[in-house]
Amino acid sequence: MTTEISWQEVKKTVFKIPLYQMMIGVLTAVFFWLFQSQAAAVSALAGAAISAIGSLTFAFIVAWPFAKDQAMVGKMAKGEILKFIVIGALFYLAVTQFSFQLMALLIGFIITLLAFWVALLTSFK
């Protein structure tokens, strides 16, 4: 037996996730700063920011007020597609325009991306 999830709960959850991702990203950056270097910490934080910006993109599409009549599944699919486009563009910029350490950038991104999926899976039981 499933319960209906309210529109407000969905909006609240999808906007909390990027905040949690950045908190996890800061912890990851501190870890890199302590055990690697400042450059690695900045790279990990940039990876976390890419993930959080992607999640914010998803949140804005899902919570867009002018499309309330649209099905939630459709909004989530559009949000995920746009999220991947934004993440791809940000990674392109990060790799081509900045001198980030690639491994730290990817680790910061992956850790916060995992947080996104864990939060979604645990929030809507």
N, C-alpha and C. Protein backbone atom coordinates (compact mmCIF):
# COMPACT_ATOMS: atom_id res chain seq x y z
N MET A 1 0.85 -1.17 0.00
CA MET A 1 0.00 0.00 0.00
C MET A 1 0.90 1.24 0.00
N THR A 2 0.71 2.10 -0.98
CA THR A 2 1.51 3.31 -1.07
C THR A 2 0.66 4.52 -0.72
N THR A 3 1.31 5.52 -0.20
CA THR A 3 0.62 6.77 0.12
C THR A 3 0.97 7.80 -0.93
N GLU A 4 0.07 8.71 -1.17
CA GLU A 4 0.28 9.77 -2.14
C GLU A 4 1.26 10.80 -1.57
N ILE A 5 2.23 11.19 -2.36
CA ILE A 5 3.22 12.17 -1.96
C ILE A 5 2.71 13.55 -2.38
N SER A 6 2.76 14.48 -1.45
CA SER A 6 2.25 15.82 -1.77
C SER A 6 3.26 16.59 -2.62
N TRP A 7 2.72 17.53 -3.37
CA TRP A 7 3.53 18.39 -4.24
C TRP A 7 4.56 19.15 -3.42
N GLN A 8 4.18 19.62 -2.23
CA GLN A 8 5.09 20.38 -1.36
C GLN A 8 6.24 19.51 -0.87
N GLU A 9 5.95 18.25 -0.56
CA GLU A 9 7.02 17.35 -0.10
C GLU A 9 8.06 17.14 -1.20
N VAL A 10 7.59 16.98 -2.42
CA VAL A 10 8.50 16.77 -3.54
C VAL A 10 9.38 18.00 -3.72
N LYS A 11 8.77 19.19 -3.74
CA LYS A 11 9.54 20.42 -3.93
C LYS A 11 10.55 20.61 -2.81
N LYS A 12 10.13 20.36 -1.60
CA LYS A 12 11.03 20.53 -0.45
C LYS A 12 12.23 19.58 -0.55
N THR A 13 11.98 18.35 -0.92
CA THR A 13 13.04 17.36 -0.99
C THR A 13 14.02 17.66 -2.12
N VAL A 14 13.53 17.99 -3.30
CA VAL A 14 14.44 18.19 -4.42
C VAL A 14 15.30 19.44 -4.25
N PHE A 15 14.85 20.40 -3.45
CA PHE A 15 15.68 21.58 -3.20
C PHE A 15 16.62 21.38 -2.01
N LYS A 16 16.34 20.42 -1.15
CA LYS A 16 17.26 20.11 -0.04
C LYS A 16 18.48 19.33 -0.53
N ILE A 17 18.29 18.51 -1.53
CA ILE A 17 19.35 17.62 -1.99
C ILE A 17 20.61 18.37 -2.41
N PRO A 18 20.53 19.44 -3.23
CA PRO A 18 21.77 20.14 -3.58
C PRO A 18 22.50 20.73 -2.37
N LEU A 19 21.74 21.15 -1.37
CA LEU A 19 22.36 21.65 -0.15
C LEU A 19 23.14 20.53 0.54
N TYR A 20 22.54 19.37 0.65
CA TYR A 20 23.24 18.23 1.25
C TYR A 20 24.44 17.83 0.41
N GLN A 21 24.30 17.90 -0.91
CA GLN A 21 25.42 17.55 -1.76
C GLN A 21 26.61 18.49 -1.52
N MET A 22 26.35 19.76 -1.38
CA MET A 22 27.45 20.69 -1.14
C MET A 22 28.07 20.48 0.24
N MET A 23 27.26 20.10 1.22
CA MET A 23 27.83 19.80 2.54
C MET A 23 28.76 18.59 2.43
N ILE A 24 28.34 17.57 1.71
CA ILE A 24 29.18 16.39 1.50
C ILE A 24 30.41 16.77 0.67
N GLY A 25 30.22 17.65 -0.29
CA GLY A 25 31.34 18.12 -1.11
C GLY A 25 32.38 18.86 -0.30
N VAL A 26 31.93 19.68 0.64
CA VAL A 26 32.88 20.39 1.51
C VAL A 26 33.66 19.40 2.36
N LEU A 27 32.99 18.39 2.89
CA LEU A 27 33.69 17.37 3.68
C LEU A 27 34.70 16.61 2.82
N THR A 28 34.32 16.32 1.59
CA THR A 28 35.24 15.65 0.67
C THR A 28 36.45 16.54 0.38
N ALA A 29 36.20 17.83 0.18
CA ALA A 29 37.28 18.77 -0.09
C ALA A 29 38.23 18.88 1.12
N VAL A 30 37.67 18.88 2.31
CA VAL A 30 38.51 18.92 3.52
C VAL A 30 39.39 17.67 3.59
N PHE A 31 38.79 16.53 3.27
CA PHE A 31 39.56 15.29 3.24
C PHE A 31 40.72 15.38 2.26
N PHE A 32 40.44 15.88 1.07
CA PHE A 32 41.51 16.04 0.07
C PHE A 32 42.55 17.06 0.53
N TRP A 33 42.12 18.11 1.16
CA TRP A 33 43.06 19.14 1.64
C TRP A 33 43.99 18.56 2.70
N LEU A 34 43.42 17.74 3.59
CA LEU A 34 44.23 17.15 4.65
C LEU A 34 45.21 16.09 4.14
N PHE A 35 44.78 15.28 3.17
CA PHE A 35 45.58 14.14 2.76
C PHE A 35 46.26 14.29 1.39
N GLN A 36 45.89 15.31 0.62
CA GLN A 36 46.51 15.51 -0.69
C GLN A 36 47.11 16.92 -0.78
N SER A 37 46.32 17.84 -1.30
CA SER A 37 46.83 19.20 -1.48
C SER A 37 45.64 20.16 -1.60
N GLN A 38 45.96 21.43 -1.59
CA GLN A 38 44.91 22.43 -1.76
C GLN A 38 44.30 22.34 -3.16
N ALA A 39 45.12 22.07 -4.16
CA ALA A 39 44.62 21.94 -5.53
C ALA A 39 43.63 20.77 -5.65
N ALA A 40 43.94 19.68 -4.98
CA ALA A 40 43.03 18.53 -5.00
C ALA A 40 41.73 18.87 -4.29
N ALA A 41 41.80 19.63 -3.20
CA ALA A 41 40.60 20.03 -2.48
C ALA A 41 39.71 20.92 -3.34
N VAL A 42 40.31 21.86 -4.03
CA VAL A 42 39.54 22.75 -4.92
C VAL A 42 38.91 21.94 -6.05
N SER A 43 39.64 20.97 -6.57
CA SER A 43 39.11 20.12 -7.63
C SER A 43 37.93 19.29 -7.14
N ALA A 44 38.05 18.71 -5.95
CA ALA A 44 36.94 17.92 -5.39
C ALA A 44 35.73 18.81 -5.15
N LEU A 45 35.95 20.01 -4.66
CA LEU A 45 34.84 20.93 -4.43
C LEU A 45 34.18 21.33 -5.75
N ALA A 46 34.98 21.49 -6.80
CA ALA A 46 34.41 21.80 -8.12
C ALA A 46 33.57 20.64 -8.63
N GLY A 47 34.03 19.42 -8.41
CA GLY A 47 33.24 18.24 -8.80
C GLY A 47 31.91 18.19 -8.05
N ALA A 48 31.96 18.50 -6.76
CA ALA A 48 30.73 18.54 -5.96
C ALA A 48 29.79 19.64 -6.45
N ALA A 49 30.37 20.78 -6.81
CA ALA A 49 29.55 21.89 -7.31
C ALA A 49 28.88 21.53 -8.63
N ILE A 50 29.59 20.81 -9.50
CA ILE A 50 28.98 20.37 -10.76
C ILE A 50 27.78 19.48 -10.47
N SER A 51 27.92 18.57 -9.54
CA SER A 51 26.82 17.68 -9.18
C SER A 51 25.65 18.46 -8.57
N ALA A 52 25.96 19.39 -7.68
CA ALA A 52 24.91 20.18 -7.03
C ALA A 52 24.18 21.09 -8.03
N ILE A 53 24.91 21.67 -8.97
CA ILE A 53 24.27 22.51 -9.98
C ILE A 53 23.36 21.66 -10.87
N GLY A 54 23.81 20.45 -11.19
CA GLY A 54 22.95 19.53 -11.94
C GLY A 54 21.68 19.20 -11.17
N SER A 55 21.83 18.97 -9.87
CA SER A 55 20.66 18.67 -9.03
C SER A 55 19.73 19.87 -8.91
N LEU A 56 20.29 21.06 -8.85
CA LEU A 56 19.45 22.27 -8.84
C LEU A 56 18.68 22.41 -10.15
N THR A 57 19.31 22.08 -11.24
CA THR A 57 18.63 22.10 -12.54
C THR A 57 17.44 21.15 -12.51
N PHE A 58 17.67 19.94 -12.01
CA PHE A 58 16.61 18.95 -11.86
C PHE A 58 15.49 19.50 -10.98
N ALA A 59 15.86 20.11 -9.86
CA ALA A 59 14.87 20.63 -8.91
C ALA A 59 14.01 21.72 -9.54
N PHE A 60 14.63 22.62 -10.29
CA PHE A 60 13.86 23.70 -10.91
C PHE A 60 12.90 23.17 -11.96
N ILE A 61 13.30 22.15 -12.70
CA ILE A 61 12.39 21.58 -13.71
C ILE A 61 11.22 20.87 -13.02
N VAL A 62 11.50 20.10 -11.99
CA VAL A 62 10.45 19.37 -11.28
C VAL A 62 9.48 20.33 -10.58
N ALA A 63 10.00 21.41 -10.03
CA ALA A 63 9.17 22.32 -9.25
C ALA A 63 8.67 23.51 -10.06
N TRP A 64 8.87 23.51 -11.36
CA TRP A 64 8.46 24.64 -12.20
C TRP A 64 6.96 24.89 -12.04
N PRO A 65 6.57 26.08 -11.59
CA PRO A 65 5.17 26.32 -11.22
C PRO A 65 4.20 26.38 -12.40
N PHE A 66 4.69 26.63 -13.60
CA PHE A 66 3.78 26.80 -14.73
C PHE A 66 3.37 25.50 -15.38
N ALA A 67 3.88 24.39 -14.91
CA ALA A 67 3.57 23.10 -15.53
C ALA A 67 2.98 22.13 -14.51
N LYS A 68 2.10 22.64 -13.63
CA LYS A 68 1.54 21.77 -12.59
C LYS A 68 0.65 20.67 -13.17
N ASP A 69 0.07 20.91 -14.33
CA ASP A 69 -0.81 19.91 -14.91
C ASP A 69 -0.03 18.76 -15.55
N GLN A 70 1.25 18.94 -15.75
CA GLN A 70 2.08 17.90 -16.34
C GLN A 70 2.34 16.80 -15.32
N ALA A 71 2.42 15.56 -15.77
CA ALA A 71 2.66 14.43 -14.88
C ALA A 71 4.04 14.53 -14.26
N MET A 72 4.14 14.11 -13.02
CA MET A 72 5.40 14.18 -12.29
C MET A 72 6.48 13.35 -12.97
N VAL A 73 6.11 12.20 -13.53
CA VAL A 73 7.10 11.36 -14.20
C VAL A 73 7.69 12.08 -15.40
N GLY A 74 6.87 12.78 -16.14
CA GLY A 74 7.35 13.55 -17.29
C GLY A 74 8.28 14.66 -16.86
N LYS A 75 7.94 15.35 -15.78
CA LYS A 75 8.81 16.41 -15.27
C LYS A 75 10.15 15.85 -14.81
N MET A 76 10.10 14.70 -14.16
CA MET A 76 11.35 14.12 -13.67
C MET A 76 12.22 13.66 -14.84
N ALA A 77 11.62 13.12 -15.88
CA ALA A 77 12.38 12.70 -17.05
C ALA A 77 13.03 13.91 -17.73
N LYS A 78 12.26 14.99 -17.91
CA LYS A 78 12.81 16.21 -18.51
C LYS A 78 13.91 16.79 -17.62
N GLY A 79 13.69 16.75 -16.30
CA GLY A 79 14.70 17.25 -15.37
C GLY A 79 15.99 16.47 -15.46
N GLU A 80 15.91 15.15 -15.56
CA GLU A 80 17.11 14.32 -15.66
C GLU A 80 17.84 14.58 -16.97
N ILE A 81 17.10 14.73 -18.06
CA ILE A 81 17.75 14.99 -19.35
C ILE A 81 18.49 16.33 -19.30
N LEU A 82 17.83 17.36 -18.82
CA LEU A 82 18.47 18.67 -18.74
C LEU A 82 19.63 18.65 -17.74
N LYS A 83 19.48 17.90 -16.67
CA LYS A 83 20.56 17.76 -15.68
C LYS A 83 21.81 17.17 -16.33
N PHE A 84 21.65 16.13 -17.15
CA PHE A 84 22.80 15.52 -17.82
C PHE A 84 23.45 16.48 -18.81
N ILE A 85 22.65 17.28 -19.49
CA ILE A 85 23.20 18.26 -20.42
C ILE A 85 24.02 19.31 -19.66
N VAL A 86 23.48 19.81 -18.56
CA VAL A 86 24.19 20.81 -17.75
C VAL A 86 25.48 20.23 -17.18
N ILE A 87 25.40 19.02 -16.66
CA ILE A 87 26.60 18.37 -16.10
C ILE A 87 27.65 18.17 -17.18
N GLY A 88 27.23 17.73 -18.36
CA GLY A 88 28.18 17.55 -19.46
C GLY A 88 28.87 18.85 -19.83
N ALA A 89 28.10 19.93 -19.91
CA ALA A 89 28.67 21.24 -20.26
C ALA A 89 29.64 21.71 -19.17
N LEU A 90 29.26 21.52 -17.91
CA LEU A 90 30.13 21.95 -16.81
C LEU A 90 31.42 21.12 -16.76
N PHE A 91 31.32 19.83 -17.03
CA PHE A 91 32.54 19.01 -17.08
C PHE A 91 33.43 19.43 -18.24
N TYR A 92 32.83 19.74 -19.36
CA TYR A 92 33.62 20.21 -20.50
C TYR A 92 34.39 21.47 -20.10
N LEU A 93 33.71 22.42 -19.46
CA LEU A 93 34.38 23.64 -19.02
C LEU A 93 35.46 23.34 -17.98
N ALA A 94 35.14 22.47 -17.04
CA ALA A 94 36.11 22.16 -15.98
C ALA A 94 37.38 21.53 -16.53
N VAL A 95 37.23 20.67 -17.51
CA VAL A 95 38.39 19.95 -18.05
C VAL A 95 39.18 20.82 -19.03
N THR A 96 38.47 21.60 -19.84
CA THR A 96 39.17 22.35 -20.90
C THR A 96 39.63 23.74 -20.47
N GLN A 97 38.94 24.36 -19.52
CA GLN A 97 39.24 25.75 -19.19
C GLN A 97 39.97 25.93 -17.86
N PHE A 98 39.97 24.92 -17.02
CA PHE A 98 40.60 25.04 -15.71
C PHE A 98 41.60 23.90 -15.52
N SER A 99 42.51 24.08 -14.60
CA SER A 99 43.53 23.05 -14.37
C SER A 99 43.20 22.25 -13.11
N PHE A 100 42.01 21.67 -13.09
CA PHE A 100 41.61 20.83 -11.97
C PHE A 100 42.31 19.48 -12.06
N GLN A 101 42.53 18.88 -10.90
CA GLN A 101 43.05 17.52 -10.87
C GLN A 101 41.87 16.58 -11.20
N LEU A 102 42.01 15.83 -12.26
CA LEU A 102 40.89 15.06 -12.78
C LEU A 102 40.35 14.04 -11.78
N MET A 103 41.22 13.32 -11.10
CA MET A 103 40.75 12.29 -10.17
C MET A 103 39.97 12.91 -9.01
N ALA A 104 40.47 13.98 -8.44
CA ALA A 104 39.76 14.64 -7.34
C ALA A 104 38.43 15.23 -7.83
N LEU A 105 38.42 15.80 -9.03
CA LEU A 105 37.20 16.33 -9.62
C LEU A 105 36.15 15.24 -9.75
N LEU A 106 36.56 14.10 -10.28
CA LEU A 106 35.62 12.98 -10.46
C LEU A 106 35.15 12.40 -9.14
N ILE A 107 36.05 12.28 -8.17
CA ILE A 107 35.66 11.74 -6.86
C ILE A 107 34.67 12.68 -6.18
N GLY A 108 34.93 13.98 -6.21
CA GLY A 108 33.98 14.93 -5.63
C GLY A 108 32.62 14.84 -6.30
N PHE A 109 32.61 14.67 -7.60
CA PHE A 109 31.36 14.53 -8.34
C PHE A 109 30.64 13.24 -7.99
N ILE A 110 31.35 12.13 -8.02
CA ILE A 110 30.73 10.81 -7.80
C ILE A 110 30.16 10.70 -6.39
N ILE A 111 30.88 11.16 -5.40
CA ILE A 111 30.39 11.07 -4.02
C ILE A 111 29.09 11.85 -3.86
N THR A 112 29.04 13.04 -4.43
CA THR A 112 27.82 13.84 -4.28
C THR A 112 26.70 13.34 -5.17
N LEU A 113 27.03 12.74 -6.31
CA LEU A 113 25.99 12.14 -7.16
C LEU A 113 25.36 10.95 -6.46
N LEU A 114 26.16 10.16 -5.77
CA LEU A 114 25.62 9.05 -4.98
C LEU A 114 24.68 9.57 -3.89
N ALA A 115 25.04 10.69 -3.30
CA ALA A 115 24.17 11.29 -2.28
C ALA A 115 22.82 11.66 -2.87
N PHE A 116 22.81 12.14 -4.12
CA PHE A 116 21.56 12.48 -4.80
C PHE A 116 20.66 11.26 -4.90
N TRP A 117 21.21 10.15 -5.37
CA TRP A 117 20.38 8.96 -5.56
C TRP A 117 19.95 8.34 -4.23
N VAL A 118 20.82 8.33 -3.26
CA VAL A 118 20.45 7.81 -1.93
C VAL A 118 19.33 8.66 -1.34
N ALA A 119 19.44 9.97 -1.47
CA ALA A 119 18.41 10.87 -0.93
C ALA A 119 17.07 10.64 -1.62
N LEU A 120 17.08 10.49 -2.94
CA LEU A 120 15.82 10.25 -3.65
C LEU A 120 15.21 8.90 -3.27
N LEU A 121 16.03 7.89 -3.15
CA LEU A 121 15.51 6.56 -2.81
C LEU A 121 14.97 6.50 -1.39
N THR A 122 15.57 7.23 -0.48
CA THR A 122 15.12 7.17 0.91
C THR A 122 14.02 8.18 1.22
N SER A 123 13.89 9.22 0.43
CA SER A 123 12.89 10.25 0.72
C SER A 123 11.49 9.83 0.31
N PHE A 124 11.37 9.10 -0.78
CA PHE A 124 10.06 8.74 -1.31
C PHE A 124 9.85 7.25 -1.19
N LYS A 125 9.60 6.81 0.02
CA LYS A 125 9.40 5.37 0.29
C LYS A 125 8.03 4.93 -0.11
